[in-house]
Amino acid sequence: MTATLLKGAPPGSVGYAVPSCWMDCETFIKWSQHFQQYVHASVEKKVLLILDNHASHRTLEVIDYARLHGIVILSLPPHISHKLQPLDKHFLAH
């Protein structure tokens, strides 16, 4: 991970590089902690986080962290996120 990859990113952005090039559990926990710093979720003020069904998002450590901090995780069914993500779809206006 180099600073060049974050050039022009919003202030407070972080970047992580993983040798496999795929998200792993340790990196997702780091990302979750960064996410929590900005959304300030709590048990009283929950935040919904919609994720794909990647294995790194479905670990006991992630689930425990989310419950402790009031982050409600909604995991999309496997192999369907491309059909449900609004930015992956378009329509023509007549």
Protein backbone atom coordinates (compact mmCIF):
# COMPACT_ATOMS: atom_id res chain seq x y z
CA MET A 1 0.00 0.00 0.00
CA THR A 2 1.42 3.34 -0.99
CA ALA A 3 0.23 6.87 -0.35
CA THR A 4 -0.09 7.36 -4.11
CA LEU A 5 -3.12 5.09 -4.14
CA LEU A 6 -4.92 7.47 -1.79
CA LYS A 7 -4.07 10.62 -3.77
CA GLY A 8 -7.24 12.66 -4.12
CA ALA A 9 -9.17 10.51 -1.63
CA PRO A 10 -11.39 12.25 0.93
CA PRO A 11 -9.70 13.28 4.20
CA GLY A 12 -9.55 10.43 6.70
CA SER A 13 -9.50 7.73 4.01
CA VAL A 14 -7.44 4.62 4.67
CA GLY A 15 -6.14 1.97 2.35
CA TYR A 16 -5.07 -1.59 3.02
CA ALA A 17 -3.13 -3.96 0.81
CA VAL A 18 -3.44 -7.71 1.21
CA PRO A 19 -0.88 -10.07 -0.36
CA SER A 20 -3.61 -12.25 -1.88
CA CYS A 21 -5.36 -9.18 -3.36
CA TRP A 22 -8.60 -10.45 -1.74
CA MET A 23 -10.21 -9.10 1.42
CA ASP A 24 -9.32 -11.15 4.48
CA CYS A 25 -10.78 -11.28 7.99
CA GLU A 26 -8.02 -9.22 9.63
CA THR A 27 -8.31 -6.46 7.05
CA PHE A 28 -12.10 -6.40 7.28
CA ILE A 29 -11.92 -5.94 11.06
CA LYS A 30 -9.57 -2.97 10.50
CA TRP A 31 -12.02 -1.59 7.96
CA SER A 32 -14.93 -2.12 10.40
CA GLN A 33 -13.08 -0.15 13.06
CA HIS A 34 -12.44 2.67 10.59
CA PHE A 35 -16.12 2.58 9.58
CA GLN A 36 -17.17 2.79 13.24
CA GLN A 37 -15.03 5.91 13.76
CA TYR A 38 -17.15 7.75 11.20
CA VAL A 39 -20.65 6.40 11.74
CA HIS A 40 -20.51 6.36 15.56
CA ALA A 41 -22.97 3.49 15.78
CA SER A 42 -24.07 2.31 19.22
CA VAL A 43 -26.50 -0.19 20.66
CA GLU A 44 -28.97 2.72 21.06
CA LYS A 45 -28.23 4.23 17.62
CA LYS A 46 -27.74 1.32 15.24
CA VAL A 47 -26.32 1.59 11.73
CA LEU A 48 -27.19 -0.74 8.86
CA LEU A 49 -24.24 -2.07 6.85
CA ILE A 50 -25.14 -3.89 3.63
CA LEU A 51 -22.45 -6.31 2.45
CA ASP A 52 -21.93 -8.97 -0.15
CA ASN A 53 -21.61 -12.53 1.09
CA HIS A 54 -17.80 -12.67 1.12
CA ALA A 55 -16.33 -15.06 3.72
CA SER A 56 -14.29 -12.26 5.34
CA HIS A 57 -17.56 -10.55 6.31
CA ARG A 58 -18.98 -13.63 8.05
CA THR A 59 -16.55 -14.37 10.87
CA LEU A 60 -17.34 -14.58 14.55
CA GLU A 61 -14.95 -11.72 15.24
CA VAL A 62 -16.77 -9.46 12.76
CA ILE A 63 -20.20 -10.42 14.09
CA ASP A 64 -19.13 -9.84 17.71
CA TYR A 65 -17.59 -6.47 16.83
CA ALA A 66 -20.72 -5.40 14.97
CA ARG A 67 -23.06 -6.44 17.80
CA LEU A 68 -20.93 -4.70 20.41
CA HIS A 69 -20.98 -1.45 18.44
CA GLY A 70 -24.57 -1.46 17.16
CA ILE A 71 -23.72 -2.24 13.55
CA VAL A 72 -26.46 -4.33 11.94
CA ILE A 73 -25.07 -6.39 9.07
CA LEU A 74 -27.32 -7.33 6.17
CA SER A 75 -25.57 -9.84 3.93
CA LEU A 76 -26.84 -10.14 0.38
CA PRO A 77 -27.34 -13.64 -1.01
CA PRO A 78 -24.31 -15.04 -2.86
CA HIS A 79 -23.85 -14.21 -6.54
CA ILE A 80 -26.65 -11.66 -6.64
CA SER A 81 -25.08 -8.38 -5.45
CA HIS A 82 -24.55 -7.26 -9.07
CA LYS A 83 -28.31 -7.47 -9.58
CA LEU A 84 -29.19 -5.58 -6.40
CA GLN A 85 -26.57 -2.81 -6.35
CA PRO A 86 -28.15 0.37 -7.76
CA LEU A 87 -24.95 1.63 -9.38
CA ASP A 88 -24.66 -1.58 -11.38
CA LYS A 89 -28.04 -0.96 -13.02
CA HIS A 90 -29.27 1.71 -15.38
CA PHE A 91 -32.45 2.69 -17.09
CA LEU A 92 -33.41 4.78 -20.10
CA ALA A 93 -35.76 7.69 -19.64
CA HIS A 94 -38.10 8.43 -22.54
